[in-house]
Amino acid sequence: MKIRYFADTDTALIDFSGEPSVETREISENLYIDLDGNGNLVSMTIEHAKANAGISEVSYLQIDKVAA
């Protein structure tokens, strides 16, 4: 996964796979998703990312499998 932020347009682009996109769907006024030929998520575009997604506070935490 890659997250790219374009400060000049306050837009975040999150790539989930390297597959080509064949369809873009508008989820809301500021959120778009791109799908591959099988309907799988390829990428997500968030406009006005600071206000809509808190892009300045992105973090990543991996949770390993907990033994039962």
C-alpha atoms as a PDB file:
ATOM      1  CA  MET A   1       0.000   0.000   0.000  1.00  0.00           C
ATOM      2  CA  LYS A   2       1.213   3.485  -0.866  1.00  0.00           C
ATOM      3  CA  ILE A   3      -0.186   6.753   0.421  1.00  0.00           C
ATOM      4  CA  ARG A   4       0.568   9.896  -1.555  1.00  0.00           C
ATOM      5  CA  TYR A   5      -0.479  13.350  -0.392  1.00  0.00           C
ATOM      6  CA  PHE A   6      -0.622  16.307  -2.763  1.00  0.00           C
ATOM      7  CA  ALA A   7      -0.434  19.452  -0.612  1.00  0.00           C
ATOM      8  CA  ASP A   8      -1.266  21.818  -3.469  1.00  0.00           C
ATOM      9  CA  THR A   9      -4.724  20.237  -3.881  1.00  0.00           C
ATOM     10  CA  ASP A  10      -5.096  18.746  -0.354  1.00  0.00           C
ATOM     11  CA  THR A  11      -5.727  15.359  -1.972  1.00  0.00           C
ATOM     12  CA  ALA A  12      -4.675  11.934  -0.704  1.00  0.00           C
ATOM     13  CA  LEU A  13      -4.289   8.951  -3.016  1.00  0.00           C
ATOM     14  CA  ILE A  14      -4.086   5.530  -1.403  1.00  0.00           C
ATOM     15  CA  ASP A  15      -2.968   2.706  -3.704  1.00  0.00           C
ATOM     16  CA  PHE A  16      -3.872  -0.794  -2.528  1.00  0.00           C
ATOM     17  CA  SER A  17      -2.677  -2.816  -5.514  1.00  0.00           C
ATOM     18  CA  GLY A  18      -0.860  -2.475  -8.790  1.00  0.00           C
ATOM     19  CA  GLU A  19      -3.809  -3.749 -10.793  1.00  0.00           C
ATOM     20  CA  PRO A  20      -5.226  -1.477 -13.493  1.00  0.00           C
ATOM     21  CA  SER A  21      -8.396   0.367 -12.633  1.00  0.00           C
ATOM     22  CA  VAL A  22     -11.422  -0.168 -14.880  1.00  0.00           C
ATOM     23  CA  GLU A  23     -14.071   1.708 -12.891  1.00  0.00           C
ATOM     24  CA  THR A  24     -14.227   4.729 -10.591  1.00  0.00           C
ATOM     25  CA  ARG A  25     -17.117   5.107  -8.157  1.00  0.00           C
ATOM     26  CA  GLU A  26     -18.053   8.256  -6.278  1.00  0.00           C
ATOM     27  CA  ILE A  27     -18.741   7.253  -2.682  1.00  0.00           C
ATOM     28  CA  SER A  28     -19.377  10.807  -1.493  1.00  0.00           C
ATOM     29  CA  GLU A  29     -18.584  14.338  -2.630  1.00  0.00           C
ATOM     30  CA  ASN A  30     -14.918  13.971  -1.567  1.00  0.00           C
ATOM     31  CA  LEU A  31     -14.294  10.216  -1.730  1.00  0.00           C
ATOM     32  CA  TYR A  32     -13.719   8.090  -4.837  1.00  0.00           C
ATOM     33  CA  ILE A  33     -12.686   4.461  -5.210  1.00  0.00           C
ATOM     34  CA  ASP A  34     -11.150   2.710  -8.191  1.00  0.00           C
ATOM     35  CA  LEU A  35     -11.939  -0.946  -8.883  1.00  0.00           C
ATOM     36  CA  ASP A  36     -10.267  -3.573 -11.052  1.00  0.00           C
ATOM     37  CA  GLY A  37     -12.040  -5.855 -13.526  1.00  0.00           C
ATOM     38  CA  ASN A  38     -13.088  -8.218 -10.696  1.00  0.00           C
ATOM     39  CA  GLY A  39     -14.552  -5.456  -8.542  1.00  0.00           C
ATOM     40  CA  ASN A  40     -11.606  -5.412  -6.130  1.00  0.00           C
ATOM     41  CA  LEU A  41     -10.404  -2.153  -4.586  1.00  0.00           C
ATOM     42  CA  VAL A  42      -7.376  -0.705  -6.397  1.00  0.00           C
ATOM     43  CA  SER A  43      -7.156   2.811  -4.953  1.00  0.00           C
ATOM     44  CA  MET A  44      -8.997   5.495  -3.037  1.00  0.00           C
ATOM     45  CA  THR A  45      -8.898   9.260  -3.582  1.00  0.00           C
ATOM     46  CA  ILE A  46      -9.772  11.611  -0.731  1.00  0.00           C
ATOM     47  CA  GLU A  47     -10.279  15.267  -1.579  1.00  0.00           C
ATOM     48  CA  HIS A  48      -9.888  17.890   1.185  1.00  0.00           C
ATOM     49  CA  ALA A  49      -7.893  15.212   2.995  1.00  0.00           C
ATOM     50  CA  LYS A  50      -6.867  17.298   6.016  1.00  0.00           C
ATOM     51  CA  ALA A  51     -10.476  17.999   6.976  1.00  0.00           C
ATOM     52  CA  ASN A  52     -12.037  14.729   5.799  1.00  0.00           C
ATOM     53  CA  ALA A  53      -9.406  12.154   6.740  1.00  0.00           C
ATOM     54  CA  GLY A  54      -7.014  13.707   9.240  1.00  0.00           C
ATOM     55  CA  ILE A  55      -4.198  13.080   6.764  1.00  0.00           C
ATOM     56  CA  SER A  56      -1.678  14.947   8.920  1.00  0.00           C
ATOM     57  CA  GLU A  57      -2.057  12.193  11.554  1.00  0.00           C
ATOM     58  CA  VAL A  58      -1.506   9.029   9.499  1.00  0.00           C
ATOM     59  CA  SER A  59       0.028   6.149  11.445  1.00  0.00           C
ATOM     60  CA  TYR A  60       0.500   2.421  10.923  1.00  0.00           C
ATOM     61  CA  LEU A  61       0.361  -0.297  13.557  1.00  0.00           C
ATOM     62  CA  GLN A  62       0.680  -3.982  12.775  1.00  0.00           C
ATOM     63  CA  ILE A  63      -1.056  -6.325  15.212  1.00  0.00           C
ATOM     64  CA  ASP A  64       0.441  -9.805  15.186  1.00  0.00           C
ATOM     65  CA  LYS A  65      -1.675 -12.873  15.794  1.00  0.00           C
ATOM     66  CA  VAL A  66      -2.271 -13.348  19.500  1.00  0.00           C
ATOM     67  CA  ALA A  67      -1.842 -16.932  20.777  1.00  0.00           C
ATOM     68  CA  ALA A  68      -5.001 -18.334  22.337  1.00  0.00           C
END
